[in-house]
Amino acid sequence: MFPEDLKYTEKHEWIRMGNGTTVRVGITSYAADALGDVVYVSLPQVGEEVAKDDACVEVESTKSVSDVFSPASGVVTSVNDLLNTTPETVNADPYGDGWMFELELSDPTELDDALDSDAYAQLASE
């Protein structure tokens, strides 16, 4: 149900580990489904420093506006500009083209408490 190669947060973000200390971040299919149709995504600025649990993305849907939180501290190195013109990609492909930003981690150990797919599936079913 949730990709096994990713890590997850209790706030419904996914984390794809990259080379070295860079990670890619998005929201889970569970979160995207709960939001409904995404109509706008406000992404952070490249070069922006964020702290773990900082709200750094705002997702507007037909139902509500929700924040996406940084899973760790670091510097935003890339954002998914595709979401500026086609925000619905978050719903259509949350683990692929619907990613939100990449982060150069300042302390990779902050991800030590991230959930694996089984633990996240348990959380999502509660």
PDB file of N, CA and C in Angstrom:
ATOM      1  N   MET A   1       0.822  -1.202   0.000  1.00  0.00           N
ATOM      2  CA  MET A   1       0.000   0.000   0.000  1.00  0.00           C
ATOM      3  C   MET A   1       0.869   1.270   0.000  1.00  0.00           C
ATOM      4  N   PHE A   2       1.906   1.310   0.844  1.00  0.00           N
ATOM      5  CA  PHE A   2       2.837   2.432   0.881  1.00  0.00           C
ATOM      6  C   PHE A   2       4.212   1.920   0.457  1.00  0.00           C
ATOM      7  N   PRO A   3       4.893   2.630  -0.455  1.00  0.00           N
ATOM      8  CA  PRO A   3       6.183   2.140  -0.968  1.00  0.00           C
ATOM      9  C   PRO A   3       7.172   1.809   0.155  1.00  0.00           C
ATOM     10  N   GLU A   4       7.783   0.628   0.044  1.00  0.00           N
ATOM     11  CA  GLU A   4       8.677   0.153   1.098  1.00  0.00           C
ATOM     12  C   GLU A   4      10.042   0.826   1.085  1.00  0.00           C
ATOM     13  N   ASP A   5      10.398   1.493  -0.032  1.00  0.00           N
ATOM     14  CA  ASP A   5      11.713   2.137  -0.094  1.00  0.00           C
ATOM     15  C   ASP A   5      11.711   3.534   0.516  1.00  0.00           C
ATOM     16  N   LEU A   6      10.574   3.974   1.048  1.00  0.00           N
ATOM     17  CA  LEU A   6      10.466   5.310   1.626  1.00  0.00           C
ATOM     18  C   LEU A   6      10.391   5.236   3.143  1.00  0.00           C
ATOM     19  N   LYS A   7      10.687   6.363   3.773  1.00  0.00           N
ATOM     20  CA  LYS A   7      10.445   6.559   5.208  1.00  0.00           C
ATOM     21  C   LYS A   7       9.259   7.505   5.319  1.00  0.00           C
ATOM     22  N   TYR A   8       8.598   7.518   6.469  1.00  0.00           N
ATOM     23  CA  TYR A   8       7.380   8.298   6.655  1.00  0.00           C
ATOM     24  C   TYR A   8       7.395   9.033   7.987  1.00  0.00           C
ATOM     25  N   THR A   9       6.621  10.131   8.050  1.00  0.00           N
ATOM     26  CA  THR A   9       6.450  10.840   9.313  1.00  0.00           C
ATOM     27  C   THR A   9       5.034  10.631   9.814  1.00  0.00           C
ATOM     28  N   GLU A  10       4.829  10.920  11.085  1.00  0.00           N
ATOM     29  CA  GLU A  10       3.487  10.806  11.653  1.00  0.00           C
ATOM     30  C   GLU A  10       2.562  11.901  11.132  1.00  0.00           C
ATOM     31  N   LYS A  11       3.127  12.904  10.452  1.00  0.00           N
ATOM     32  CA  LYS A  11       2.323  13.987   9.870  1.00  0.00           C
ATOM     33  C   LYS A  11       2.034  13.731   8.394  1.00  0.00           C
ATOM     34  N   HIS A  12       2.318  12.517   7.922  1.00  0.00           N
ATOM     35  CA  HIS A  12       1.940  12.040   6.588  1.00  0.00           C
ATOM     36  C   HIS A  12       2.823  12.548   5.451  1.00  0.00           C
ATOM     37  N   GLU A  13       4.086  12.852   5.763  1.00  0.00           N
ATOM     38  CA  GLU A  13       5.057  13.127   4.708  1.00  0.00           C
ATOM     39  C   GLU A  13       5.842  11.848   4.421  1.00  0.00           C
ATOM     40  N   TRP A  14       6.310  11.720   3.173  1.00  0.00           N
ATOM     41  CA  TRP A  14       7.228  10.627   2.853  1.00  0.00           C
ATOM     42  C   TRP A  14       8.609  11.218   2.582  1.00  0.00           C
ATOM     43  N   ILE A  15       9.617  10.380   2.777  1.00  0.00           N
ATOM     44  CA  ILE A  15      11.012  10.788   2.611  1.00  0.00           C
ATOM     45  C   ILE A  15      11.713   9.741   1.760  1.00  0.00           C
ATOM     46  N   ARG A  16      12.282  10.182   0.645  1.00  0.00           N
ATOM     47  CA  ARG A  16      13.078   9.279  -0.191  1.00  0.00           C
ATOM     48  C   ARG A  16      14.542   9.657   0.007  1.00  0.00           C
ATOM     49  N   MET A  17      15.303   8.710   0.519  1.00  0.00           N
ATOM     50  CA  MET A  17      16.721   8.944   0.753  1.00  0.00           C
ATOM     51  C   MET A  17      17.433   8.997  -0.594  1.00  0.00           C
ATOM     52  N   GLY A  18      18.300   9.993  -0.760  1.00  0.00           N
ATOM     53  CA  GLY A  18      19.050  10.136  -2.000  1.00  0.00           C
ATOM     54  C   GLY A  18      20.502   9.751  -1.783  1.00  0.00           C
ATOM     55  N   ASN A  19      21.357  10.313  -2.590  1.00  0.00           N
ATOM     56  CA  ASN A  19      22.784  10.102  -2.419  1.00  0.00           C
ATOM     57  C   ASN A  19      23.284  11.021  -1.319  1.00  0.00           C
ATOM     58  N   GLY A  20      24.042  10.484  -0.413  1.00  0.00           N
ATOM     59  CA  GLY A  20      24.587  11.315   0.653  1.00  0.00           C
ATOM     60  C   GLY A  20      23.514  11.802   1.600  1.00  0.00           C
ATOM     61  N   THR A  21      23.433  13.115   1.764  1.00  0.00           N
ATOM     62  CA  THR A  21      22.539  13.681   2.773  1.00  0.00           C
ATOM     63  C   THR A  21      21.376  14.462   2.170  1.00  0.00           C
ATOM     64  N   THR A  22      21.044  14.190   0.914  1.00  0.00           N
ATOM     65  CA  THR A  22      19.902  14.856   0.286  1.00  0.00           C
ATOM     66  C   THR A  22      18.710  13.909   0.272  1.00  0.00           C
ATOM     67  N   VAL A  23      17.536  14.446   0.644  1.00  0.00           N
ATOM     68  CA  VAL A  23      16.300  13.657   0.617  1.00  0.00           C
ATOM     69  C   VAL A  23      15.253  14.398  -0.203  1.00  0.00           C
ATOM     70  N   ARG A  24      14.314  13.642  -0.746  1.00  0.00           N
ATOM     71  CA  ARG A  24      13.170  14.193  -1.468  1.00  0.00           C
ATOM     72  C   ARG A  24      11.950  13.983  -0.579  1.00  0.00           C
ATOM     73  N   VAL A  25      11.062  14.965  -0.540  1.00  0.00           N
ATOM     74  CA  VAL A  25       9.927  14.941   0.379  1.00  0.00           C
ATOM     75  C   VAL A  25       8.628  15.195  -0.382  1.00  0.00           C
ATOM     76  N   GLY A  26       7.590  14.485   0.018  1.00  0.00           N
ATOM     77  CA  GLY A  26       6.248  14.704  -0.517  1.00  0.00           C
ATOM     78  C   GLY A  26       5.234  14.278   0.529  1.00  0.00           C
ATOM     79  N   ILE A  27       3.959  14.274   0.138  1.00  0.00           N
ATOM     80  CA  ILE A  27       2.929  13.773   1.058  1.00  0.00           C
ATOM     81  C   ILE A  27       2.442  12.412   0.573  1.00  0.00           C
ATOM     82  N   THR A  28       1.967  11.629   1.505  1.00  0.00           N
ATOM     83  CA  THR A  28       1.543  10.268   1.199  1.00  0.00           C
ATOM     84  C   THR A  28       0.210  10.255   0.451  1.00  0.00           C
ATOM     85  N   SER A  29      -0.081   9.130  -0.158  1.00  0.00           N
ATOM     86  CA  SER A  29      -1.368   8.965  -0.838  1.00  0.00           C
ATOM     87  C   SER A  29      -2.513   9.106   0.166  1.00  0.00           C
ATOM     88  N   TYR A  30      -2.293   8.670   1.399  1.00  0.00           N
ATOM     89  CA  TYR A  30      -3.297   8.816   2.454  1.00  0.00           C
ATOM     90  C   TYR A  30      -3.612  10.297   2.670  1.00  0.00           C
ATOM     91  N   ALA A  31      -2.567  11.127   2.775  1.00  0.00           N
ATOM     92  CA  ALA A  31      -2.752  12.565   2.975  1.00  0.00           C
ATOM     93  C   ALA A  31      -3.410  13.209   1.757  1.00  0.00           C
ATOM     94  N   ALA A  32      -2.957  12.837   0.567  1.00  0.00           N
ATOM     95  CA  ALA A  32      -3.515  13.404  -0.664  1.00  0.00           C
ATOM     96  C   ALA A  32      -5.002  13.061  -0.779  1.00  0.00           C
ATOM     97  N   ASP A  33      -5.370  11.831  -0.443  1.00  0.00           N
ATOM     98  CA  ASP A  33      -6.781  11.427  -0.486  1.00  0.00           C
ATOM     99  C   ASP A  33      -7.603  12.206   0.545  1.00  0.00           C
ATOM    100  N   ALA A  34      -7.039  12.404   1.731  1.00  0.00           N
ATOM    101  CA  ALA A  34      -7.742  13.123   2.786  1.00  0.00           C
ATOM    102  C   ALA A  34      -7.960  14.594   2.404  1.00  0.00           C
ATOM    103  N   LEU A  35      -7.009  15.162   1.680  1.00  0.00           N
ATOM    104  CA  LEU A  35      -7.129  16.564   1.264  1.00  0.00           C
ATOM    105  C   LEU A  35      -8.204  16.767   0.208  1.00  0.00           C
ATOM    106  N   GLY A  36      -8.388  15.788  -0.651  1.00  0.00           N
ATOM    107  CA  GLY A  36      -9.274  15.980  -1.799  1.00  0.00           C
ATOM    108  C   GLY A  36      -8.470  16.546  -2.952  1.00  0.00           C
ATOM    109  N   ASP A  37      -9.151  17.164  -3.902  1.00  0.00           N
ATOM    110  CA  ASP A  37      -8.485  17.667  -5.107  1.00  0.00           C
ATOM    111  C   ASP A  37      -7.585  18.856  -4.788  1.00  0.00           C
ATOM    112  N   VAL A  38      -6.287  18.680  -5.002  1.00  0.00           N
ATOM    113  CA  VAL A  38      -5.327  19.758  -4.756  1.00  0.00           C
ATOM    114  C   VAL A  38      -5.412  20.773  -5.892  1.00  0.00           C
ATOM    115  N   VAL A  39      -5.572  22.052  -5.517  1.00  0.00           N
ATOM    116  CA  VAL A  39      -5.720  23.112  -6.520  1.00  0.00           C
ATOM    117  C   VAL A  39      -4.565  24.116  -6.501  1.00  0.00           C
ATOM    118  N   TYR A  40      -3.759  24.108  -5.438  1.00  0.00           N
ATOM    119  CA  TYR A  40      -2.633  25.043  -5.348  1.00  0.00           C
ATOM    120  C   TYR A  40      -1.612  24.510  -4.353  1.00  0.00           C
ATOM    121  N   VAL A  41      -0.325  24.661  -4.702  1.00  0.00           N
ATOM    122  CA  VAL A  41       0.758  24.277  -3.796  1.00  0.00           C
ATOM    123  C   VAL A  41       1.732  25.441  -3.698  1.00  0.00           C
ATOM    124  N   SER A  42       1.995  25.907  -2.479  1.00  0.00           N
ATOM    125  CA  SER A  42       2.978  26.959  -2.228  1.00  0.00           C
ATOM    126  C   SER A  42       4.253  26.295  -1.714  1.00  0.00           C
ATOM    127  N   LEU A  43       5.301  26.335  -2.539  1.00  0.00           N
ATOM    128  CA  LEU A  43       6.549  25.640  -2.226  1.00  0.00           C
ATOM    129  C   LEU A  43       7.537  26.574  -1.534  1.00  0.00           C
ATOM    130  N   PRO A  44       8.498  26.011  -0.801  1.00  0.00           N
ATOM    131  CA  PRO A  44       9.534  26.857  -0.192  1.00  0.00           C
ATOM    132  C   PRO A  44      10.487  27.397  -1.259  1.00  0.00           C
ATOM    133  N   GLN A  45      11.342  28.316  -0.873  1.00  0.00           N
ATOM    134  CA  GLN A  45      12.342  28.871  -1.782  1.00  0.00           C
ATOM    135  C   GLN A  45      13.599  28.001  -1.744  1.00  0.00           C
ATOM    136  N   VAL A  46      14.222  27.787  -2.908  1.00  0.00           N
ATOM    137  CA  VAL A  46      15.511  27.111  -2.934  1.00  0.00           C
ATOM    138  C   VAL A  46      16.488  27.966  -2.137  1.00  0.00           C
ATOM    139  N   GLY A  47      17.251  27.323  -1.268  1.00  0.00           N
ATOM    140  CA  GLY A  47      18.194  28.035  -0.416  1.00  0.00           C
ATOM    141  C   GLY A  47      17.636  28.350   0.962  1.00  0.00           C
ATOM    142  N   GLU A  48      16.321  28.150   1.135  1.00  0.00           N
ATOM    143  CA  GLU A  48      15.682  28.417   2.427  1.00  0.00           C
ATOM    144  C   GLU A  48      16.139  27.388   3.454  1.00  0.00           C
ATOM    145  N   GLU A  49      16.467  27.860   4.652  1.00  0.00           N
ATOM    146  CA  GLU A  49      16.795  26.951   5.749  1.00  0.00           C
ATOM    147  C   GLU A  49      15.517  26.626   6.503  1.00  0.00           C
ATOM    148  N   VAL A  50      15.327  25.342   6.781  1.00  0.00           N
ATOM    149  CA  VAL A  50      14.157  24.906   7.536  1.00  0.00           C
ATOM    150  C   VAL A  50      14.616  24.049   8.704  1.00  0.00           C
ATOM    151  N   ALA A  51      13.823  24.051   9.753  1.00  0.00           N
ATOM    152  CA  ALA A  51      14.084  23.208  10.913  1.00  0.00           C
ATOM    153  C   ALA A  51      13.100  22.053  10.905  1.00  0.00           C
ATOM    154  N   LYS A  52      13.480  20.981  11.572  1.00  0.00           N
ATOM    155  CA  LYS A  52      12.587  19.824  11.670  1.00  0.00           C
ATOM    156  C   LYS A  52      11.230  20.282  12.208  1.00  0.00           C
ATOM    157  N   ASP A  53      10.172  19.816  11.571  1.00  0.00           N
ATOM    158  CA  ASP A  53       8.778  20.097  11.928  1.00  0.00           C
ATOM    159  C   ASP A  53       8.313  21.506  11.556  1.00  0.00           C
ATOM    160  N   ASP A  54       9.147  22.286  10.846  1.00  0.00           N
ATOM    161  CA  ASP A  54       8.691  23.574  10.325  1.00  0.00           C
ATOM    162  C   ASP A  54       7.679  23.342   9.208  1.00  0.00           C
ATOM    163  N   ALA A  55       6.618  24.140   9.181  1.00  0.00           N
ATOM    164  CA  ALA A  55       5.704  24.134   8.040  1.00  0.00           C
ATOM    165  C   ALA A  55       6.425  24.838   6.896  1.00  0.00           C
ATOM    166  N   CYS A  56       6.623  24.141   5.789  1.00  0.00           N
ATOM    167  CA  CYS A  56       7.390  24.761   4.698  1.00  0.00           C
ATOM    168  C   CYS A  56       6.681  24.681   3.350  1.00  0.00           C
ATOM    169  N   VAL A  57       5.570  23.977   3.283  1.00  0.00           N
ATOM    170  CA  VAL A  57       4.751  23.916   2.073  1.00  0.00           C
ATOM    171  C   VAL A  57       3.301  24.101   2.509  1.00  0.00           C
ATOM    172  N   GLU A  58       2.536  24.810   1.690  1.00  0.00           N
ATOM    173  CA  GLU A  58       1.105  24.947   1.940  1.00  0.00           C
ATOM    174  C   GLU A  58       0.372  24.322   0.763  1.00  0.00           C
ATOM    175  N   VAL A  59      -0.547  23.425   1.071  1.00  0.00           N
ATOM    176  CA  VAL A  59      -1.319  22.739   0.037  1.00  0.00           C
ATOM    177  C   VAL A  59      -2.775  23.144   0.195  1.00  0.00           C
ATOM    178  N   GLU A  60      -3.332  23.706  -0.888  1.00  0.00           N
ATOM    179  CA  GLU A  60      -4.728  24.121  -0.883  1.00  0.00           C
ATOM    180  C   GLU A  60      -5.515  23.123  -1.721  1.00  0.00           C
ATOM    181  N   SER A  61      -6.610  22.653  -1.150  1.00  0.00           N
ATOM    182  CA  SER A  61      -7.464  21.711  -1.876  1.00  0.00           C
ATOM    183  C   SER A  61      -8.889  22.250  -1.888  1.00  0.00           C
ATOM    184  N   THR A  62      -9.764  21.506  -2.526  1.00  0.00           N
ATOM    185  CA  THR A  62     -11.168  21.911  -2.564  1.00  0.00           C
ATOM    186  C   THR A  62     -11.796  21.825  -1.172  1.00  0.00           C
ATOM    187  N   LYS A  63     -11.155  21.077  -0.255  1.00  0.00           N
ATOM    188  CA  LYS A  63     -11.696  20.905   1.093  1.00  0.00           C
ATOM    189  C   LYS A  63     -11.077  21.840   2.122  1.00  0.00           C
ATOM    190  N   SER A  64      -9.750  22.094   2.007  1.00  0.00           N
ATOM    191  CA  SER A  64      -9.068  22.828   3.074  1.00  0.00           C
ATOM    192  C   SER A  64      -7.696  23.301   2.617  1.00  0.00           C
ATOM    193  N   VAL A  65      -7.013  23.985   3.535  1.00  0.00           N
ATOM    194  CA  VAL A  65      -5.614  24.350   3.336  1.00  0.00           C
ATOM    195  C   VAL A  65      -4.822  23.633   4.420  1.00  0.00           C
ATOM    196  N   SER A  66      -3.750  22.952   4.024  1.00  0.00           N
ATOM    197  CA  SER A  66      -2.945  22.184   4.974  1.00  0.00           C
ATOM    198  C   SER A  66      -1.466  22.499   4.796  1.00  0.00           C
ATOM    199  N   ASP A  67      -0.743  22.379   5.892  1.00  0.00           N
ATOM    200  CA  ASP A  67       0.698  22.557   5.851  1.00  0.00           C
ATOM    201  C   ASP A  67       1.389  21.217   5.664  1.00  0.00           C
ATOM    202  N   VAL A  68       2.549  21.265   5.012  1.00  0.00           N
ATOM    203  CA  VAL A  68       3.451  20.121   4.920  1.00  0.00           C
ATOM    204  C   VAL A  68       4.683  20.523   5.719  1.00  0.00           C
ATOM    205  N   PHE A  69       5.137  19.613   6.561  1.00  0.00           N
ATOM    206  CA  PHE A  69       6.214  19.910   7.495  1.00  0.00           C
ATOM    207  C   PHE A  69       7.523  19.264   7.051  1.00  0.00           C
ATOM    208  N   SER A  70       8.610  19.941   7.356  1.00  0.00           N
ATOM    209  CA  SER A  70       9.918  19.382   7.027  1.00  0.00           C
ATOM    210  C   SER A  70      10.223  18.215   7.975  1.00  0.00           C
ATOM    211  N   PRO A  71      10.637  17.072   7.431  1.00  0.00           N
ATOM    212  CA  PRO A  71      10.919  15.914   8.275  1.00  0.00           C
ATOM    213  C   PRO A  71      12.245  16.043   9.033  1.00  0.00           C
ATOM    214  N   ALA A  72      13.055  17.037   8.656  1.00  0.00           N
ATOM    215  CA  ALA A  72      14.360  17.226   9.287  1.00  0.00           C
ATOM    216  C   ALA A  72      14.837  18.645   9.011  1.00  0.00           C
ATOM    217  N   SER A  73      15.900  19.035   9.677  1.00  0.00           N
ATOM    218  CA  SER A  73      16.500  20.352   9.460  1.00  0.00           C
ATOM    219  C   SER A  73      17.438  20.303   8.269  1.00  0.00           C
ATOM    220  N   GLY A  74      17.514  21.433   7.551  1.00  0.00           N
ATOM    221  CA  GLY A  74      18.423  21.490   6.422  1.00  0.00           C
ATOM    222  C   GLY A  74      18.128  22.672   5.523  1.00  0.00           C
ATOM    223  N   VAL A  75      18.667  22.605   4.317  1.00  0.00           N
ATOM    224  CA  VAL A  75      18.497  23.660   3.327  1.00  0.00           C
ATOM    225  C   VAL A  75      17.765  23.081   2.115  1.00  0.00           C
ATOM    226  N   VAL A  76      16.736  23.781   1.658  1.00  0.00           N
ATOM    227  CA  VAL A  76      15.987  23.365   0.467  1.00  0.00           C
ATOM    228  C   VAL A  76      16.908  23.529  -0.749  1.00  0.00           C
ATOM    229  N   THR A  77      17.150  22.432  -1.471  1.00  0.00           N
ATOM    230  CA  THR A  77      18.049  22.475  -2.627  1.00  0.00           C
ATOM    231  C   THR A  77      17.304  22.449  -3.957  1.00  0.00           C
ATOM    232  N   SER A  78      16.023  22.031  -3.922  1.00  0.00           N
ATOM    233  CA  SER A  78      15.248  21.922  -5.149  1.00  0.00           C
ATOM    234  C   SER A  78      13.776  21.902  -4.786  1.00  0.00           C
ATOM    235  N   VAL A  79      12.938  22.447  -5.672  1.00  0.00           N
ATOM    236  CA  VAL A  79      11.486  22.347  -5.514  1.00  0.00           C
ATOM    237  C   VAL A  79      10.899  21.825  -6.821  1.00  0.00           C
ATOM    238  N   ASN A  80       9.725  21.247  -6.737  1.00  0.00           N
ATOM    239  CA  ASN A  80       9.075  20.673  -7.903  1.00  0.00           C
ATOM    240  C   ASN A  80       8.218  21.741  -8.589  1.00  0.00           C
ATOM    241  N   ASP A  81       8.826  22.444  -9.550  1.00  0.00           N
ATOM    242  CA  ASP A  81       8.125  23.527 -10.248  1.00  0.00           C
ATOM    243  C   ASP A  81       6.900  23.054 -11.012  1.00  0.00           C
ATOM    244  N   LEU A  82       6.821  21.769 -11.338  1.00  0.00           N
ATOM    245  CA  LEU A  82       5.653  21.205 -12.016  1.00  0.00           C
ATOM    246  C   LEU A  82       4.372  21.506 -11.234  1.00  0.00           C
ATOM    247  N   LEU A  83       4.489  21.556  -9.905  1.00  0.00           N
ATOM    248  CA  LEU A  83       3.300  21.761  -9.069  1.00  0.00           C
ATOM    249  C   LEU A  83       2.745  23.180  -9.177  1.00  0.00           C
ATOM    250  N   ASN A  84       3.544  24.121  -9.687  1.00  0.00           N
ATOM    251  CA  ASN A  84       3.046  25.488  -9.879  1.00  0.00           C
ATOM    252  C   ASN A  84       1.959  25.539 -10.945  1.00  0.00           C
ATOM    253  N   THR A  85       2.075  24.691 -11.961  1.00  0.00           N
ATOM    254  CA  THR A  85       1.109  24.700 -13.056  1.00  0.00           C
ATOM    255  C   THR A  85       0.132  23.529 -13.007  1.00  0.00           C
ATOM    256  N   THR A  86       0.551  22.424 -12.402  1.00  0.00           N
ATOM    257  CA  THR A  86      -0.329  21.253 -12.311  1.00  0.00           C
ATOM    258  C   THR A  86      -0.309  20.685 -10.890  1.00  0.00           C
ATOM    259  N   PRO A  87      -0.911  21.426  -9.938  1.00  0.00           N
ATOM    260  CA  PRO A  87      -0.902  20.976  -8.539  1.00  0.00           C
ATOM    261  C   PRO A  87      -1.617  19.643  -8.327  1.00  0.00           C
ATOM    262  N   GLU A  88      -2.529  19.309  -9.240  1.00  0.00           N
ATOM    263  CA  GLU A  88      -3.265  18.040  -9.110  1.00  0.00           C
ATOM    264  C   GLU A  88      -2.349  16.826  -9.236  1.00  0.00           C
ATOM    265  N   THR A  89      -1.109  17.031  -9.668  1.00  0.00           N
ATOM    266  CA  THR A  89      -0.129  15.935  -9.734  1.00  0.00           C
ATOM    267  C   THR A  89       0.075  15.320  -8.351  1.00  0.00           C
ATOM    268  N   VAL A  90      -0.105  16.102  -7.288  1.00  0.00           N
ATOM    269  CA  VAL A  90       0.014  15.586  -5.925  1.00  0.00           C
ATOM    270  C   VAL A  90      -0.984  14.449  -5.711  1.00  0.00           C
ATOM    271  N   ASN A  91      -2.199  14.592  -6.251  1.00  0.00           N
ATOM    272  CA  ASN A  91      -3.208  13.537  -6.131  1.00  0.00           C
ATOM    273  C   ASN A  91      -2.920  12.380  -7.074  1.00  0.00           C
ATOM    274  N   ALA A  92      -2.521  12.694  -8.293  1.00  0.00           N
ATOM    275  CA  ALA A  92      -2.362  11.672  -9.337  1.00  0.00           C
ATOM    276  C   ALA A  92      -1.136  10.792  -9.121  1.00  0.00           C
ATOM    277  N   ASP A  93      -0.049  11.362  -8.592  1.00  0.00           N
ATOM    278  CA  ASP A  93       1.209  10.615  -8.477  1.00  0.00           C
ATOM    279  C   ASP A  93       2.006  11.102  -7.259  1.00  0.00           C
ATOM    280  N   PRO A  94       1.466  10.875  -6.041  1.00  0.00           N
ATOM    281  CA  PRO A  94       2.089  11.456  -4.849  1.00  0.00           C
ATOM    282  C   PRO A  94       3.525  10.983  -4.594  1.00  0.00           C
ATOM    283  N   TYR A  95       3.872   9.773  -5.034  1.00  0.00           N
ATOM    284  CA  TYR A  95       5.217   9.239  -4.765  1.00  0.00           C
ATOM    285  C   TYR A  95       6.184   9.432  -5.928  1.00  0.00           C
ATOM    286  N   GLY A  96       5.681   9.969  -7.035  1.00  0.00           N
ATOM    287  CA  GLY A  96       6.520  10.173  -8.217  1.00  0.00           C
ATOM    288  C   GLY A  96       6.586  11.649  -8.548  1.00  0.00           C
ATOM    289  N   ASP A  97       5.873  12.042  -9.614  1.00  0.00           N
ATOM    290  CA  ASP A  97       5.918  13.428 -10.081  1.00  0.00           C
ATOM    291  C   ASP A  97       5.308  14.423  -9.100  1.00  0.00           C
ATOM    292  N   GLY A  98       4.605  13.947  -8.087  1.00  0.00           N
ATOM    293  CA  GLY A  98       3.983  14.834  -7.106  1.00  0.00           C
ATOM    294  C   GLY A  98       4.870  15.193  -5.920  1.00  0.00           C
ATOM    295  N   TRP A  99       6.168  14.872  -5.999  1.00  0.00           N
ATOM    296  CA  TRP A  99       7.084  15.252  -4.909  1.00  0.00           C
ATOM    297  C   TRP A  99       7.088  16.768  -4.752  1.00  0.00           C
ATOM    298  N   MET A 100       7.530  17.259  -3.589  1.00  0.00           N
ATOM    299  CA  MET A 100       7.436  18.695  -3.306  1.00  0.00           C
ATOM    300  C   MET A 100       8.778  19.420  -3.242  1.00  0.00           C
ATOM    301  N   PHE A 101       9.722  18.897  -2.463  1.00  0.00           N
ATOM    302  CA  PHE A 101      11.010  19.575  -2.356  1.00  0.00           C
ATOM    303  C   PHE A 101      12.115  18.599  -1.983  1.00  0.00           C
ATOM    304  N   GLU A 102      13.338  19.023  -2.226  1.00  0.00           N
ATOM    305  CA  GLU A 102      14.517  18.261  -1.810  1.00  0.00           C
ATOM    306  C   GLU A 102      15.252  19.066  -0.756  1.00  0.00           C
ATOM    307  N   LEU A 103      15.844  18.335   0.174  1.00  0.00           N
ATOM    308  CA  LEU A 103      16.448  18.933   1.349  1.00  0.00           C
ATOM    309  C   LEU A 103      17.838  18.361   1.565  1.00  0.00           C
ATOM    310  N   GLU A 104      18.814  19.242   1.740  1.00  0.00           N
ATOM    311  CA  GLU A 104      20.159  18.841   2.148  1.00  0.00           C
ATOM    312  C   GLU A 104      20.146  18.837   3.672  1.00  0.00           C
ATOM    313  N   LEU A 105      20.251  17.638   4.262  1.00  0.00           N
ATOM    314  CA  LEU A 105      20.098  17.497   5.711  1.00  0.00           C
ATOM    315  C   LEU A 105      21.289  18.082   6.463  1.00  0.00           C
ATOM    316  N   SER A 106      20.998  18.817   7.531  1.00  0.00           N
ATOM    317  CA  SER A 106      22.079  19.297   8.380  1.00  0.00           C
ATOM    318  C   SER A 106      22.403  18.268   9.460  1.00  0.00           C
ATOM    319  N   ASP A 107      21.439  17.400   9.792  1.00  0.00           N
ATOM    320  CA  ASP A 107      21.656  16.352  10.795  1.00  0.00           C
ATOM    321  C   ASP A 107      20.843  15.116  10.412  1.00  0.00           C
ATOM    322  N   PRO A 108      21.444  14.201   9.630  1.00  0.00           N
ATOM    323  CA  PRO A 108      20.704  13.019   9.172  1.00  0.00           C
ATOM    324  C   PRO A 108      20.112  12.175  10.300  1.00  0.00           C
ATOM    325  N   THR A 109      20.648  12.260  11.508  1.00  0.00           N
ATOM    326  CA  THR A 109      20.107  11.456  12.612  1.00  0.00           C
ATOM    327  C   THR A 109      18.692  11.897  12.988  1.00  0.00           C
ATOM    328  N   GLU A 110      18.275  13.089  12.539  1.00  0.00           N
ATOM    329  CA  GLU A 110      16.896  13.526  12.818  1.00  0.00           C
ATOM    330  C   GLU A 110      15.874  12.617  12.147  1.00  0.00           C
ATOM    331  N   LEU A 111      16.303  11.839  11.167  1.00  0.00           N
ATOM    332  CA  LEU A 111      15.375  10.923  10.490  1.00  0.00           C
ATOM    333  C   LEU A 111      15.354   9.535  11.129  1.00  0.00           C
ATOM    334  N   ASP A 112      16.121   9.356  12.189  1.00  0.00           N
ATOM    335  CA  ASP A 112      16.186   8.040  12.825  1.00  0.00           C
ATOM    336  C   ASP A 112      14.834   7.577  13.352  1.00  0.00           C
ATOM    337  N   ASP A 113      13.949   8.520  13.687  1.00  0.00           N
ATOM    338  CA  ASP A 113      12.632   8.139  14.215  1.00  0.00           C
ATOM    339  C   ASP A 113      11.563   8.055  13.126  1.00  0.00           C
ATOM    340  N   ALA A 114      11.963   8.191  11.853  1.00  0.00           N
ATOM    341  CA  ALA A 114      11.000   8.073  10.752  1.00  0.00           C
ATOM    342  C   ALA A 114      10.453   6.644  10.710  1.00  0.00           C
ATOM    343  N   LEU A 115       9.218   6.524  10.244  1.00  0.00           N
ATOM    344  CA  LEU A 115       8.530   5.238  10.206  1.00  0.00           C
ATOM    345  C   LEU A 115       8.850   4.481   8.919  1.00  0.00           C
ATOM    346  N   ASP A 116       8.850   3.146   9.005  1.00  0.00           N
ATOM    347  CA  ASP A 116       8.923   2.357   7.774  1.00  0.00           C
ATOM    348  C   ASP A 116       7.501   2.182   7.240  1.00  0.00           C
ATOM    349  N   SER A 117       7.366   1.543   6.079  1.00  0.00           N
ATOM    350  CA  SER A 117       6.048   1.457   5.435  1.00  0.00           C
ATOM    351  C   SER A 117       5.028   0.702   6.295  1.00  0.00           C
ATOM    352  N   ASP A 118       5.460  -0.336   6.987  1.00  0.00           N
ATOM    353  CA  ASP A 118       4.530  -1.096   7.831  1.00  0.00           C
ATOM    354  C   ASP A 118       4.028  -0.258   9.006  1.00  0.00           C
ATOM    355  N   ALA A 119       4.945   0.453   9.646  1.00  0.00           N
ATOM    356  CA  ALA A 119       4.549   1.300  10.787  1.00  0.00           C
ATOM    357  C   ALA A 119       3.630   2.430  10.323  1.00  0.00           C
ATOM    358  N   TYR A 120       3.934   2.983   9.139  1.00  0.00           N
ATOM    359  CA  TYR A 120       3.078   4.055   8.634  1.00  0.00           C
ATOM    360  C   TYR A 120       1.691   3.516   8.262  1.00  0.00           C
ATOM    361  N   ALA A 121       1.638   2.341   7.651  1.00  0.00           N
ATOM    362  CA  ALA A 121       0.359   1.733   7.298  1.00  0.00           C
ATOM    363  C   ALA A 121      -0.487   1.529   8.556  1.00  0.00           C
ATOM    364  N   GLN A 122       0.154   1.117   9.643  1.00  0.00           N
ATOM    365  CA  GLN A 122      -0.535   0.951  10.924  1.00  0.00           C
ATOM    366  C   GLN A 122      -1.105   2.283  11.404  1.00  0.00           C
ATOM    367  N   LEU A 123      -0.288   3.333  11.328  1.00  0.00           N
ATOM    368  CA  LEU A 123      -0.721   4.671  11.728  1.00  0.00           C
ATOM    369  C   LEU A 123      -1.900   5.143  10.873  1.00  0.00           C
ATOM    370  N   ALA A 124      -1.791   4.961   9.576  1.00  0.00           N
ATOM    371  CA  ALA A 124      -2.821   5.440   8.643  1.00  0.00           C
ATOM    372  C   ALA A 124      -4.147   4.694   8.831  1.00  0.00           C
ATOM    373  N   SER A 125      -4.091   3.490   9.362  1.00  0.00           N
ATOM    374  CA  SER A 125      -5.319   2.695   9.521  1.00  0.00           C
ATOM    375  C   SER A 125      -6.028   2.990  10.849  1.00  0.00           C
ATOM    376  N   GLU A 126      -5.380   3.758  11.701  1.00  0.00           N
ATOM    377  CA  GLU A 126      -5.984   4.033  13.032  1.00  0.00           C
ATOM    378  C   GLU A 126      -7.024   5.127  12.962  1.00  0.00           C
TER     379      GLU A 126
END
